[in-house]
Amino acid sequence: YKVTCIVHLFQSHVVFEFKCTNTIEEQVLEDISVSMEMIEG
């Protein structure tokens, strides 16, 4: 799987965009999401 992240900063929001690409011929991915946990901050 190929995943890149772009951080979009708004006045009072931060949007993390995860661009995802499937490279496996034998499968399809559905209901894709990313769970995030703050480990520093």
Full PDB file with SEQRES, HELIX, SHEET, SSBOND, CRYST1, ORIGX, SCALE, CONECT and MASTER records, all heavy atoms in Angstrom:
SEQRES   1 A   41  TYR LYS VAL THR CYS ILE VAL HIS LEU PHE GLN SER HIS          
SEQRES   2 A   41  VAL VAL PHE GLU PHE LYS CYS THR ASN THR ILE GLU GLU          
SEQRES   3 A   41  GLN VAL LEU GLU ASP ILE SER VAL SER MET GLU MET ILE          
SEQRES   4 A   41  GLU GLY                                                      
SHEET    1 AA1 2 LYS A   2  LEU A   9  0                                        
SHEET    2 AA1 2 VAL A  14  THR A  21 -1                                        
CRYST1    1.000    1.000    1.000  90.00  90.00  90.00 P 1           1          
ORIGX1      1.000000  0.000000  0.000000        0.00000                         
ORIGX2      0.000000  1.000000  0.000000        0.00000                         
ORIGX3      0.000000  0.000000  1.000000        0.00000                         
SCALE1      1.000000  0.000000  0.000000        0.00000                         
SCALE2      0.000000  1.000000  0.000000        0.00000                         
SCALE3      0.000000  0.000000  1.000000        0.00000                         
ATOM      1  N   TYR A   1       0.847  -1.189   0.000  1.00  0.00           N  
ATOM      2  CA  TYR A   1       0.000   0.000   0.000  1.00  0.00           C  
ATOM      3  C   TYR A   1       0.884   1.241   0.000  1.00  0.00           C  
ATOM      4  O   TYR A   1       1.908   1.276   0.678  1.00  0.00           O  
ATOM      5  CB  TYR A   1      -0.918   0.019   1.231  1.00  0.00           C  
ATOM      6  CG  TYR A   1      -1.615  -1.294   1.479  1.00  0.00           C  
ATOM      7  CD1 TYR A   1      -1.300  -2.065   2.594  1.00  0.00           C  
ATOM      8  CD2 TYR A   1      -2.563  -1.770   0.588  1.00  0.00           C  
ATOM      9  CE1 TYR A   1      -1.925  -3.284   2.819  1.00  0.00           C  
ATOM     10  CE2 TYR A   1      -3.182  -2.998   0.794  1.00  0.00           C  
ATOM     11  CZ  TYR A   1      -2.858  -3.752   1.906  1.00  0.00           C  
ATOM     12  OH  TYR A   1      -3.468  -4.957   2.112  1.00  0.00           O  
ATOM     13  N   LYS A   2       0.470   2.244  -0.745  1.00  0.00           N  
ATOM     14  CA  LYS A   2       1.193   3.508  -0.771  1.00  0.00           C  
ATOM     15  C   LYS A   2       0.310   4.580  -0.140  1.00  0.00           C  
ATOM     16  O   LYS A   2      -0.825   4.803  -0.577  1.00  0.00           O  
ATOM     17  CB  LYS A   2       1.560   3.896  -2.207  1.00  0.00           C  
ATOM     18  CG  LYS A   2       2.568   2.957  -2.859  1.00  0.00           C  
ATOM     19  CD  LYS A   2       2.931   3.419  -4.257  1.00  0.00           C  
ATOM     20  CE  LYS A   2       3.957   2.476  -4.896  1.00  0.00           C  
ATOM     21  NZ  LYS A   2       4.308   2.890  -6.285  1.00  0.00           N  
ATOM     22  N   VAL A   3       0.846   5.230   0.881  1.00  0.00           N  
ATOM     23  CA  VAL A   3       0.088   6.263   1.578  1.00  0.00           C  
ATOM     24  C   VAL A   3       0.983   7.489   1.766  1.00  0.00           C  
ATOM     25  O   VAL A   3       2.123   7.370   2.225  1.00  0.00           O  
ATOM     26  CB  VAL A   3      -0.406   5.775   2.961  1.00  0.00           C  
ATOM     27  CG1 VAL A   3      -1.220   6.869   3.645  1.00  0.00           C  
ATOM     28  CG2 VAL A   3      -1.241   4.506   2.831  1.00  0.00           C  
ATOM     29  N   THR A   4       0.478   8.640   1.388  1.00  0.00           N  
ATOM     30  CA  THR A   4       1.143   9.911   1.666  1.00  0.00           C  
ATOM     31  C   THR A   4       0.192  10.789   2.467  1.00  0.00           C  
ATOM     32  O   THR A   4      -1.034  10.635   2.400  1.00  0.00           O  
ATOM     33  CB  THR A   4       1.569  10.651   0.384  1.00  0.00           C  
ATOM     34  OG1 THR A   4       0.401  10.919  -0.406  1.00  0.00           O  
ATOM     35  CG2 THR A   4       2.550   9.825  -0.428  1.00  0.00           C  
ATOM     36  N   CYS A   5       0.759  11.714   3.234  1.00  0.00           N  
ATOM     37  CA  CYS A   5      -0.052  12.602   4.064  1.00  0.00           C  
ATOM     38  C   CYS A   5       0.238  14.056   3.715  1.00  0.00           C  
ATOM     39  O   CYS A   5       1.392  14.442   3.521  1.00  0.00           O  
ATOM     40  CB  CYS A   5       0.242  12.357   5.544  1.00  0.00           C  
ATOM     41  SG  CYS A   5      -0.703  13.426   6.665  1.00  0.00           S  
ATOM     42  N   ILE A   6      -0.819  14.854   3.624  1.00  0.00           N  
ATOM     43  CA  ILE A   6      -0.727  16.300   3.472  1.00  0.00           C  
ATOM     44  C   ILE A   6      -1.451  16.934   4.657  1.00  0.00           C  
ATOM     45  O   ILE A   6      -2.589  16.573   4.967  1.00  0.00           O  
ATOM     46  CB  ILE A   6      -1.347  16.784   2.154  1.00  0.00           C  
ATOM     47  CG1 ILE A   6      -0.665  16.113   0.961  1.00  0.00           C  
ATOM     48  CG2 ILE A   6      -1.242  18.304   2.027  1.00  0.00           C  
ATOM     49  CD1 ILE A   6      -1.326  16.418  -0.370  1.00  0.00           C  
ATOM     50  N   VAL A   7      -0.775  17.855   5.332  1.00  0.00           N  
ATOM     51  CA  VAL A   7      -1.361  18.541   6.487  1.00  0.00           C  
ATOM     52  C   VAL A   7      -1.905  19.885   6.027  1.00  0.00           C  
ATOM     53  O   VAL A   7      -1.158  20.734   5.538  1.00  0.00           O  
ATOM     54  CB  VAL A   7      -0.315  18.746   7.597  1.00  0.00           C  
ATOM     55  CG1 VAL A   7      -0.972  19.406   8.818  1.00  0.00           C  
ATOM     56  CG2 VAL A   7       0.324  17.419   7.989  1.00  0.00           C  
ATOM     57  N   HIS A   8      -3.218  20.064   6.165  1.00  0.00           N  
ATOM     58  CA  HIS A   8      -3.878  21.318   5.795  1.00  0.00           C  
ATOM     59  C   HIS A   8      -4.232  22.071   7.076  1.00  0.00           C  
ATOM     60  O   HIS A   8      -4.957  21.560   7.928  1.00  0.00           O  
ATOM     61  CB  HIS A   8      -5.154  21.054   4.992  1.00  0.00           C  
ATOM     62  CG  HIS A   8      -4.955  20.226   3.762  1.00  0.00           C  
ATOM     63  ND1 HIS A   8      -4.398  20.722   2.601  1.00  0.00           N  
ATOM     64  CD2 HIS A   8      -5.225  18.916   3.525  1.00  0.00           C  
ATOM     65  CE1 HIS A   8      -4.361  19.765   1.685  1.00  0.00           C  
ATOM     66  NE2 HIS A   8      -4.844  18.660   2.224  1.00  0.00           N  
ATOM     67  N   LEU A   9      -3.711  23.292   7.189  1.00  0.00           N  
ATOM     68  CA  LEU A   9      -3.935  24.086   8.401  1.00  0.00           C  
ATOM     69  C   LEU A   9      -4.952  25.185   8.126  1.00  0.00           C  
ATOM     70  O   LEU A   9      -4.754  26.022   7.236  1.00  0.00           O  
ATOM     71  CB  LEU A   9      -2.610  24.683   8.883  1.00  0.00           C  
ATOM     72  CG  LEU A   9      -2.551  25.159  10.335  1.00  0.00           C  
ATOM     73  CD1 LEU A   9      -2.777  24.009  11.301  1.00  0.00           C  
ATOM     74  CD2 LEU A   9      -1.223  25.822  10.628  1.00  0.00           C  
ATOM     75  N   PHE A  10      -6.037  25.161   8.886  1.00  0.00           N  
ATOM     76  CA  PHE A  10      -7.053  26.210   8.845  1.00  0.00           C  
ATOM     77  C   PHE A  10      -6.942  27.046  10.128  1.00  0.00           C  
ATOM     78  O   PHE A  10      -6.178  26.722  11.025  1.00  0.00           O  
ATOM     79  CB  PHE A  10      -8.453  25.596   8.757  1.00  0.00           C  
ATOM     80  CG  PHE A  10      -8.745  24.866   7.477  1.00  0.00           C  
ATOM     81  CD1 PHE A  10      -8.297  23.569   7.283  1.00  0.00           C  
ATOM     82  CD2 PHE A  10      -9.490  25.466   6.468  1.00  0.00           C  
ATOM     83  CE1 PHE A  10      -8.579  22.885   6.114  1.00  0.00           C  
ATOM     84  CE2 PHE A  10      -9.783  24.793   5.291  1.00  0.00           C  
ATOM     85  CZ  PHE A  10      -9.322  23.501   5.116  1.00  0.00           C  
ATOM     86  N   GLN A  11      -7.740  28.100  10.196  1.00  0.00           N  
ATOM     87  CA  GLN A  11      -7.689  28.994  11.352  1.00  0.00           C  
ATOM     88  C   GLN A  11      -7.920  28.232  12.653  1.00  0.00           C  
ATOM     89  O   GLN A  11      -7.197  28.430  13.636  1.00  0.00           O  
ATOM     90  CB  GLN A  11      -8.734  30.110  11.203  1.00  0.00           C  
ATOM     91  CG  GLN A  11      -8.816  31.067  12.382  1.00  0.00           C  
ATOM     92  CD  GLN A  11      -7.552  31.888  12.564  1.00  0.00           C  
ATOM     93  OE1 GLN A  11      -6.851  32.179  11.612  1.00  0.00           O  
ATOM     94  NE2 GLN A  11      -7.254  32.252  13.800  1.00  0.00           N  
ATOM     95  N   SER A  12      -8.894  27.367  12.693  1.00  0.00           N  
ATOM     96  CA  SER A  12      -9.205  26.657  13.938  1.00  0.00           C  
ATOM     97  C   SER A  12      -9.346  25.151  13.734  1.00  0.00           C  
ATOM     98  O   SER A  12      -9.936  24.468  14.573  1.00  0.00           O  
ATOM     99  CB  SER A  12     -10.490  27.224  14.564  1.00  0.00           C  
ATOM    100  OG  SER A  12     -11.562  27.169  13.649  1.00  0.00           O  
ATOM    101  N   HIS A  13      -8.806  24.647  12.629  1.00  0.00           N  
ATOM    102  CA  HIS A  13      -8.861  23.216  12.366  1.00  0.00           C  
ATOM    103  C   HIS A  13      -7.567  22.758  11.701  1.00  0.00           C  
ATOM    104  O   HIS A  13      -6.889  23.545  11.034  1.00  0.00           O  
ATOM    105  CB  HIS A  13     -10.044  22.851  11.454  1.00  0.00           C  
ATOM    106  CG  HIS A  13     -11.384  23.134  12.057  1.00  0.00           C  
ATOM    107  ND1 HIS A  13     -11.973  24.377  11.970  1.00  0.00           N  
ATOM    108  CD2 HIS A  13     -12.243  22.345  12.767  1.00  0.00           C  
ATOM    109  CE1 HIS A  13     -13.149  24.343  12.599  1.00  0.00           C  
ATOM    110  NE2 HIS A  13     -13.328  23.133  13.086  1.00  0.00           N  
ATOM    111  N   VAL A  14      -7.238  21.494  11.885  1.00  0.00           N  
ATOM    112  CA  VAL A  14      -6.157  20.845  11.147  1.00  0.00           C  
ATOM    113  C   VAL A  14      -6.750  19.623  10.461  1.00  0.00           C  
ATOM    114  O   VAL A  14      -7.395  18.792  11.116  1.00  0.00           O  
ATOM    115  CB  VAL A  14      -4.995  20.411  12.069  1.00  0.00           C  
ATOM    116  CG1 VAL A  14      -3.866  19.804  11.243  1.00  0.00           C  
ATOM    117  CG2 VAL A  14      -4.483  21.586  12.890  1.00  0.00           C  
ATOM    118  N   VAL A  15      -6.551  19.545   9.151  1.00  0.00           N  
ATOM    119  CA  VAL A  15      -7.061  18.414   8.376  1.00  0.00           C  
ATOM    120  C   VAL A  15      -5.873  17.608   7.857  1.00  0.00           C  
ATOM    121  O   VAL A  15      -5.019  18.134   7.140  1.00  0.00           O  
ATOM    122  CB  VAL A  15      -7.939  18.884   7.195  1.00  0.00           C  
ATOM    123  CG1 VAL A  15      -8.364  17.694   6.331  1.00  0.00           C  
ATOM    124  CG2 VAL A  15      -9.162  19.641   7.701  1.00  0.00           C  
ATOM    125  N   PHE A  16      -5.820  16.347   8.238  1.00  0.00           N  
ATOM    126  CA  PHE A  16      -4.794  15.440   7.748  1.00  0.00           C  
ATOM    127  C   PHE A  16      -5.396  14.640   6.593  1.00  0.00           C  
ATOM    128  O   PHE A  16      -6.360  13.891   6.787  1.00  0.00           O  
ATOM    129  CB  PHE A  16      -4.320  14.496   8.848  1.00  0.00           C  
ATOM    130  CG  PHE A  16      -3.625  15.183   9.986  1.00  0.00           C  
ATOM    131  CD1 PHE A  16      -4.346  15.657  11.075  1.00  0.00           C  
ATOM    132  CD2 PHE A  16      -2.244  15.367   9.972  1.00  0.00           C  
ATOM    133  CE1 PHE A  16      -3.703  16.299  12.127  1.00  0.00           C  
ATOM    134  CE2 PHE A  16      -1.598  16.003  11.015  1.00  0.00           C  
ATOM    135  CZ  PHE A  16      -2.325  16.476  12.094  1.00  0.00           C  
ATOM    136  N   GLU A  17      -4.851  14.852   5.411  1.00  0.00           N  
ATOM    137  CA  GLU A  17      -5.331  14.139   4.224  1.00  0.00           C  
ATOM    138  C   GLU A  17      -4.371  12.996   3.913  1.00  0.00           C  
ATOM    139  O   GLU A  17      -3.184  13.205   3.698  1.00  0.00           O  
ATOM    140  CB  GLU A  17      -5.420  15.080   3.022  1.00  0.00           C  
ATOM    141  CG  GLU A  17      -5.869  14.368   1.752  1.00  0.00           C  
ATOM    142  CD  GLU A  17      -5.953  15.284   0.548  1.00  0.00           C  
ATOM    143  OE1 GLU A  17      -5.584  16.466   0.675  1.00  0.00           O  
ATOM    144  OE2 GLU A  17      -6.391  14.816  -0.526  1.00  0.00           O  
ATOM    145  N   PHE A  18      -4.907  11.784   3.872  1.00  0.00           N  
ATOM    146  CA  PHE A  18      -4.109  10.604   3.571  1.00  0.00           C  
ATOM    147  C   PHE A  18      -4.480  10.103   2.176  1.00  0.00           C  
ATOM    148  O   PHE A  18      -5.594   9.622   1.956  1.00  0.00           O  
ATOM    149  CB  PHE A  18      -4.359   9.510   4.610  1.00  0.00           C  
ATOM    150  CG  PHE A  18      -3.938   9.888   5.998  1.00  0.00           C  
ATOM    151  CD1 PHE A  18      -4.835  10.496   6.870  1.00  0.00           C  
ATOM    152  CD2 PHE A  18      -2.643   9.659   6.440  1.00  0.00           C  
ATOM    153  CE1 PHE A  18      -4.451  10.866   8.153  1.00  0.00           C  
ATOM    154  CE2 PHE A  18      -2.244  10.020   7.723  1.00  0.00           C  
ATOM    155  CZ  PHE A  18      -3.153  10.620   8.567  1.00  0.00           C  
ATOM    156  N   LYS A  19      -3.559  10.264   1.244  1.00  0.00           N  
ATOM    157  CA  LYS A  19      -3.761   9.786  -0.119  1.00  0.00           C  
ATOM    158  C   LYS A  19      -3.293   8.331  -0.198  1.00  0.00           C  
ATOM    159  O   LYS A  19      -2.144   8.027   0.120  1.00  0.00           O  
ATOM    160  CB  LYS A  19      -2.986  10.648  -1.116  1.00  0.00           C  
ATOM    161  CG  LYS A  19      -3.570  12.037  -1.308  1.00  0.00           C  
ATOM    162  CD  LYS A  19      -2.772  12.819  -2.344  1.00  0.00           C  
ATOM    163  CE  LYS A  19      -3.409  14.167  -2.624  1.00  0.00           C  
ATOM    164  NZ  LYS A  19      -4.662  14.053  -3.376  1.00  0.00           N  
ATOM    165  N   CYS A  20      -4.182   7.442  -0.604  1.00  0.00           N  
ATOM    166  CA  CYS A  20      -3.926   6.007  -0.546  1.00  0.00           C  
ATOM    167  C   CYS A  20      -4.004   5.388  -1.942  1.00  0.00           C  
ATOM    168  O   CYS A  20      -4.877   5.735  -2.743  1.00  0.00           O  
ATOM    169  CB  CYS A  20      -4.948   5.319   0.347  1.00  0.00           C  
ATOM    170  SG  CYS A  20      -5.129   6.068   1.985  1.00  0.00           S  
ATOM    171  N   THR A  21      -3.091   4.454  -2.215  1.00  0.00           N  
ATOM    172  CA  THR A  21      -3.083   3.710  -3.469  1.00  0.00           C  
ATOM    173  C   THR A  21      -2.905   2.225  -3.160  1.00  0.00           C  
ATOM    174  O   THR A  21      -2.035   1.845  -2.377  1.00  0.00           O  
ATOM    175  CB  THR A  21      -1.943   4.170  -4.398  1.00  0.00           C  
ATOM    176  OG1 THR A  21      -2.041   5.577  -4.608  1.00  0.00           O  
ATOM    177  CG2 THR A  21      -2.010   3.456  -5.735  1.00  0.00           C  
ATOM    178  N   ASN A  22      -3.754   1.390  -3.786  1.00  0.00           N  
ATOM    179  CA  ASN A  22      -3.649  -0.062  -3.652  1.00  0.00           C  
ATOM    180  C   ASN A  22      -2.819  -0.603  -4.814  1.00  0.00           C  
ATOM    181  O   ASN A  22      -3.090  -0.293  -5.976  1.00  0.00           O  
ATOM    182  CB  ASN A  22      -5.050  -0.681  -3.659  1.00  0.00           C  
ATOM    183  CG  ASN A  22      -5.003  -2.193  -3.616  1.00  0.00           C  
ATOM    184  OD1 ASN A  22      -4.053  -2.779  -3.107  1.00  0.00           O  
ATOM    185  ND2 ASN A  22      -6.037  -2.832  -4.153  1.00  0.00           N  
ATOM    186  N   THR A  23      -1.811  -1.402  -4.509  1.00  0.00           N  
ATOM    187  CA  THR A  23      -0.940  -1.952  -5.567  1.00  0.00           C  
ATOM    188  C   THR A  23      -1.068  -3.470  -5.699  1.00  0.00           C  
ATOM    189  O   THR A  23      -0.303  -4.089  -6.427  1.00  0.00           O  
ATOM    190  CB  THR A  23       0.532  -1.594  -5.272  1.00  0.00           C  
ATOM    191  OG1 THR A  23       0.935  -2.217  -4.039  1.00  0.00           O  
ATOM    192  CG2 THR A  23       0.723  -0.098  -5.170  1.00  0.00           C  
ATOM    193  N   ILE A  24      -2.014  -4.082  -5.001  1.00  0.00           N  
ATOM    194  CA  ILE A  24      -2.160  -5.543  -5.039  1.00  0.00           C  
ATOM    195  C   ILE A  24      -3.261  -5.921  -6.023  1.00  0.00           C  
ATOM    196  O   ILE A  24      -4.426  -5.515  -5.877  1.00  0.00           O  
ATOM    197  CB  ILE A  24      -2.471  -6.102  -3.638  1.00  0.00           C  
ATOM    198  CG1 ILE A  24      -1.344  -5.741  -2.670  1.00  0.00           C  
ATOM    199  CG2 ILE A  24      -2.654  -7.613  -3.695  1.00  0.00           C  
ATOM    200  CD1 ILE A  24      -1.566  -6.241  -1.275  1.00  0.00           C  
ATOM    201  N   GLU A  25      -2.913  -6.721  -7.017  1.00  0.00           N  
ATOM    202  CA  GLU A  25      -3.848  -7.068  -8.089  1.00  0.00           C  
ATOM    203  C   GLU A  25      -5.004  -7.930  -7.610  1.00  0.00           C  
ATOM    204  O   GLU A  25      -6.099  -7.888  -8.176  1.00  0.00           O  
ATOM    205  CB  GLU A  25      -3.101  -7.791  -9.216  1.00  0.00           C  
ATOM    206  CG  GLU A  25      -2.047  -6.935  -9.904  1.00  0.00           C  
ATOM    207  CD  GLU A  25      -1.408  -7.654 -11.081  1.00  0.00           C  
ATOM    208  OE1 GLU A  25      -1.892  -8.752 -11.420  1.00  0.00           O  
ATOM    209  OE2 GLU A  25      -0.443  -7.119 -11.641  1.00  0.00           O  
ATOM    210  N   GLU A  26      -4.779  -8.731  -6.581  1.00  0.00           N  
ATOM    211  CA  GLU A  26      -5.782  -9.726  -6.187  1.00  0.00           C  
ATOM    212  C   GLU A  26      -6.805  -9.219  -5.195  1.00  0.00           C  
ATOM    213  O   GLU A  26      -7.629  -9.983  -4.711  1.00  0.00           O  
ATOM    214  CB  GLU A  26      -5.082 -10.963  -5.578  1.00  0.00           C  
ATOM    215  CG  GLU A  26      -4.103 -11.676  -6.485  1.00  0.00           C  
ATOM    216  CD  GLU A  26      -2.725 -11.017  -6.495  1.00  0.00           C  
ATOM    217  OE1 GLU A  26      -2.494 -10.124  -5.645  1.00  0.00           O  
ATOM    218  OE2 GLU A  26      -1.907 -11.380  -7.361  1.00  0.00           O  
ATOM    219  N   GLN A  27      -6.807  -7.928  -4.880  1.00  0.00           N  
ATOM    220  CA  GLN A  27      -7.756  -7.463  -3.875  1.00  0.00           C  
ATOM    221  C   GLN A  27      -8.232  -6.038  -4.131  1.00  0.00           C  
ATOM    222  O   GLN A  27      -7.573  -5.253  -4.821  1.00  0.00           O  
ATOM    223  CB  GLN A  27      -7.147  -7.557  -2.482  1.00  0.00           C  
ATOM    224  CG  GLN A  27      -6.035  -6.566  -2.207  1.00  0.00           C  
ATOM    225  CD  GLN A  27      -5.517  -6.661  -0.779  1.00  0.00           C  
ATOM    226  OE1 GLN A  27      -5.856  -7.581  -0.042  1.00  0.00           O  
ATOM    227  NE2 GLN A  27      -4.696  -5.704  -0.387  1.00  0.00           N  
ATOM    228  N   VAL A  28      -9.374  -5.746  -3.540  1.00  0.00           N  
ATOM    229  CA  VAL A  28      -9.939  -4.399  -3.513  1.00  0.00           C  
ATOM    230  C   VAL A  28     -10.112  -4.021  -2.051  1.00  0.00           C  
ATOM    231  O   VAL A  28     -10.505  -4.858  -1.219  1.00  0.00           O  
ATOM    232  CB  VAL A  28     -11.293  -4.348  -4.244  1.00  0.00           C  
ATOM    233  CG1 VAL A  28     -12.019  -3.036  -3.950  1.00  0.00           C  
ATOM    234  CG2 VAL A  28     -11.110  -4.500  -5.740  1.00  0.00           C  
ATOM    235  N   LEU A  29      -9.794  -2.770  -1.731  1.00  0.00           N  
ATOM    236  CA  LEU A  29      -9.957  -2.284  -0.366  1.00  0.00           C  
ATOM    237  C   LEU A  29     -11.207  -1.414  -0.274  1.00  0.00           C  
ATOM    238  O   LEU A  29     -11.485  -0.618  -1.163  1.00  0.00           O  
ATOM    239  CB  LEU A  29      -8.730  -1.481   0.072  1.00  0.00           C  
ATOM    240  CG  LEU A  29      -7.368  -2.148  -0.086  1.00  0.00           C  
ATOM    241  CD1 LEU A  29      -6.275  -1.246   0.486  1.00  0.00           C  
ATOM    242  CD2 LEU A  29      -7.342  -3.513   0.582  1.00  0.00           C  
ATOM    243  N   GLU A  30     -11.941  -1.579   0.810  1.00  0.00           N  
ATOM    244  CA  GLU A  30     -13.144  -0.788   1.042  1.00  0.00           C  
ATOM    245  C   GLU A  30     -13.143  -0.229   2.461  1.00  0.00           C  
ATOM    246  O   GLU A  30     -12.451  -0.748   3.339  1.00  0.00           O  
ATOM    247  CB  GLU A  30     -14.403  -1.637   0.805  1.00  0.00           C  
ATOM    248  CG  GLU A  30     -14.560  -2.093  -0.641  1.00  0.00           C  
ATOM    249  CD  GLU A  30     -15.838  -2.879  -0.867  1.00  0.00           C  
ATOM    250  OE1 GLU A  30     -16.524  -3.200   0.130  1.00  0.00           O  
ATOM    251  OE2 GLU A  30     -16.156  -3.169  -2.037  1.00  0.00           O  
ATOM    252  N   ASP A  31     -13.938   0.819   2.657  1.00  0.00           N  
ATOM    253  CA  ASP A  31     -14.093   1.455   3.974  1.00  0.00           C  
ATOM    254  C   ASP A  31     -12.727   1.757   4.597  1.00  0.00           C  
ATOM    255  O   ASP A  31     -12.404   1.292   5.691  1.00  0.00           O  
ATOM    256  CB  ASP A  31     -14.924   0.552   4.887  1.00  0.00           C  
ATOM    257  CG  ASP A  31     -15.360   1.276   6.158  1.00  0.00           C  
ATOM    258  OD1 ASP A  31     -15.428   2.524   6.126  1.00  0.00           O  
ATOM    259  OD2 ASP A  31     -15.604   0.597   7.177  1.00  0.00           O  
ATOM    260  N   ILE A  32     -11.924   2.551   3.862  1.00  0.00           N  
ATOM    261  CA  ILE A  32     -10.546   2.849   4.276  1.00  0.00           C  
ATOM    262  C   ILE A  32     -10.538   4.087   5.161  1.00  0.00           C  
ATOM    263  O   ILE A  32     -11.156   5.107   4.844  1.00  0.00           O  
ATOM    264  CB  ILE A  32      -9.651   3.075   3.046  1.00  0.00           C  
ATOM    265  CG1 ILE A  32      -9.712   1.873   2.104  1.00  0.00           C  
ATOM    266  CG2 ILE A  32      -8.222   3.353   3.437  1.00  0.00           C  
ATOM    267  CD1 ILE A  32     -10.506   2.132   0.842  1.00  0.00           C  
ATOM    268  N   SER A  33      -9.802   4.010   6.264  1.00  0.00           N  
ATOM    269  CA  SER A  33      -9.644   5.157   7.154  1.00  0.00           C  
ATOM    270  C   SER A  33      -8.287   5.058   7.840  1.00  0.00           C  
ATOM    271  O   SER A  33      -7.616   4.030   7.770  1.00  0.00           O  
ATOM    272  CB  SER A  33     -10.767   5.221   8.195  1.00  0.00           C  
ATOM    273  OG  SER A  33     -10.705   4.096   9.052  1.00  0.00           O  
ATOM    274  N   VAL A  34      -7.889   6.139   8.495  1.00  0.00           N  
ATOM    275  CA  VAL A  34      -6.652   6.163   9.273  1.00  0.00           C  
ATOM    276  C   VAL A  34      -6.997   6.574  10.699  1.00  0.00           C  
ATOM    277  O   VAL A  34      -7.675   7.584  10.917  1.00  0.00           O  
ATOM    278  CB  VAL A  34      -5.615   7.143   8.673  1.00  0.00           C  
ATOM    279  CG1 VAL A  34      -4.405   7.260   9.598  1.00  0.00           C  
ATOM    280  CG2 VAL A  34      -5.187   6.675   7.290  1.00  0.00           C  
ATOM    281  N   SER A  35      -6.567   5.777  11.652  1.00  0.00           N  
ATOM    282  CA  SER A  35      -6.729   6.152  13.067  1.00  0.00           C  
ATOM    283  C   SER A  35      -5.436   6.797  13.540  1.00  0.00           C  
ATOM    284  O   SER A  35      -4.345   6.299  13.258  1.00  0.00           O  
ATOM    285  CB  SER A  35      -7.082   4.936  13.918  1.00  0.00           C  
ATOM    286  OG  SER A  35      -6.048   3.983  13.897  1.00  0.00           O  
ATOM    287  N   MET A  36      -5.556   7.906  14.254  1.00  0.00           N  
ATOM    288  CA  MET A  36      -4.408   8.676  14.703  1.00  0.00           C  
ATOM    289  C   MET A  36      -4.428   8.794  16.225  1.00  0.00           C  
ATOM    290  O   MET A  36      -5.482   9.015  16.826  1.00  0.00           O  
ATOM    291  CB  MET A  36      -4.425  10.078  14.076  1.00  0.00           C  
ATOM    292  CG  MET A  36      -4.430  10.092  12.554  1.00  0.00           C  
ATOM    293  SD  MET A  36      -4.461  11.785  11.885  1.00  0.00           S  
ATOM    294  CE  MET A  36      -2.829  12.393  12.388  1.00  0.00           C  
ATOM    295  N   GLU A  37      -3.258   8.669  16.815  1.00  0.00           N  
ATOM    296  CA  GLU A  37      -3.118   8.840  18.257  1.00  0.00           C  
ATOM    297  C   GLU A  37      -1.943   9.774  18.528  1.00  0.00           C  
ATOM    298  O   GLU A  37      -0.830   9.539  18.052  1.00  0.00           O  
ATOM    299  CB  GLU A  37      -2.882   7.502  18.946  1.00  0.00           C  
ATOM    300  CG  GLU A  37      -2.736   7.619  20.458  1.00  0.00           C  
ATOM    301  CD  GLU A  37      -2.483   6.284  21.121  1.00  0.00           C  
ATOM    302  OE1 GLU A  37      -2.551   5.239  20.441  1.00  0.00           O  
ATOM    303  OE2 GLU A  37      -2.201   6.285  22.339  1.00  0.00           O  
ATOM    304  N   MET A  38      -2.199  10.843  19.286  1.00  0.00           N  
ATOM    305  CA  MET A  38      -1.132  11.790  19.595  1.00  0.00           C  
ATOM    306  C   MET A  38      -0.150  11.147  20.574  1.00  0.00           C  
ATOM    307  O   MET A  38      -0.535  10.689  21.643  1.00  0.00           O  
ATOM    308  CB  MET A  38      -1.695  13.079  20.186  1.00  0.00           C  
ATOM    309  CG  MET A  38      -0.628  14.138  20.423  1.00  0.00           C  
ATOM    310  SD  MET A  38      -1.256  15.648  21.218  1.00  0.00           S  
ATOM    311  CE  MET A  38      -2.285  16.334  19.938  1.00  0.00           C  
ATOM    312  N   ILE A  39       1.121  11.097  20.179  1.00  0.00           N  
ATOM    313  CA  ILE A  39       2.153  10.514  21.040  1.00  0.00           C  
ATOM    314  C   ILE A  39       3.110  11.572  21.569  1.00  0.00           C  
ATOM    315  O   ILE A  39       3.853  11.311  22.504  1.00  0.00           O  
ATOM    316  CB  ILE A  39       2.933   9.413  20.289  1.00  0.00           C  
ATOM    317  CG1 ILE A  39       3.500   9.937  18.965  1.00  0.00           C  
ATOM    318  CG2 ILE A  39       2.057   8.214  20.054  1.00  0.00           C  
ATOM    319  CD1 ILE A  39       4.315   8.908  18.202  1.00  0.00           C  
ATOM    320  N   GLU A  40       3.106  12.759  20.982  1.00  0.00           N  
ATOM    321  CA  GLU A  40       3.867  13.893  21.486  1.00  0.00           C  
ATOM    322  C   GLU A  40       3.056  15.150  21.252  1.00  0.00           C  
ATOM    323  O   GLU A  40       2.459  15.328  20.195  1.00  0.00           O  
ATOM    324  CB  GLU A  40       5.225  14.024  20.774  1.00  0.00           C  
ATOM    325  CG  GLU A  40       6.214  12.924  21.078  1.00  0.00           C  
ATOM    326  CD  GLU A  40       7.531  13.121  20.335  1.00  0.00           C  
ATOM    327  OE1 GLU A  40       7.780  14.253  19.870  1.00  0.00           O  
ATOM    328  OE2 GLU A  40       8.292  12.150  20.215  1.00  0.00           O  
ATOM    329  N   GLY A  41       3.041  16.038  22.233  1.00  0.00           N  
ATOM    330  CA  GLY A  41       2.311  17.288  22.080  1.00  0.00           C  
ATOM    331  C   GLY A  41       1.524  17.609  23.343  1.00  0.00           C  
ATOM    332  O   GLY A  41       1.526  16.856  24.317  1.00  0.00           O  
TER     333      GLY A  41                                                      
MASTER        0    0    0    0    2    0    0    6  332    1    0    4          
END                                                                             
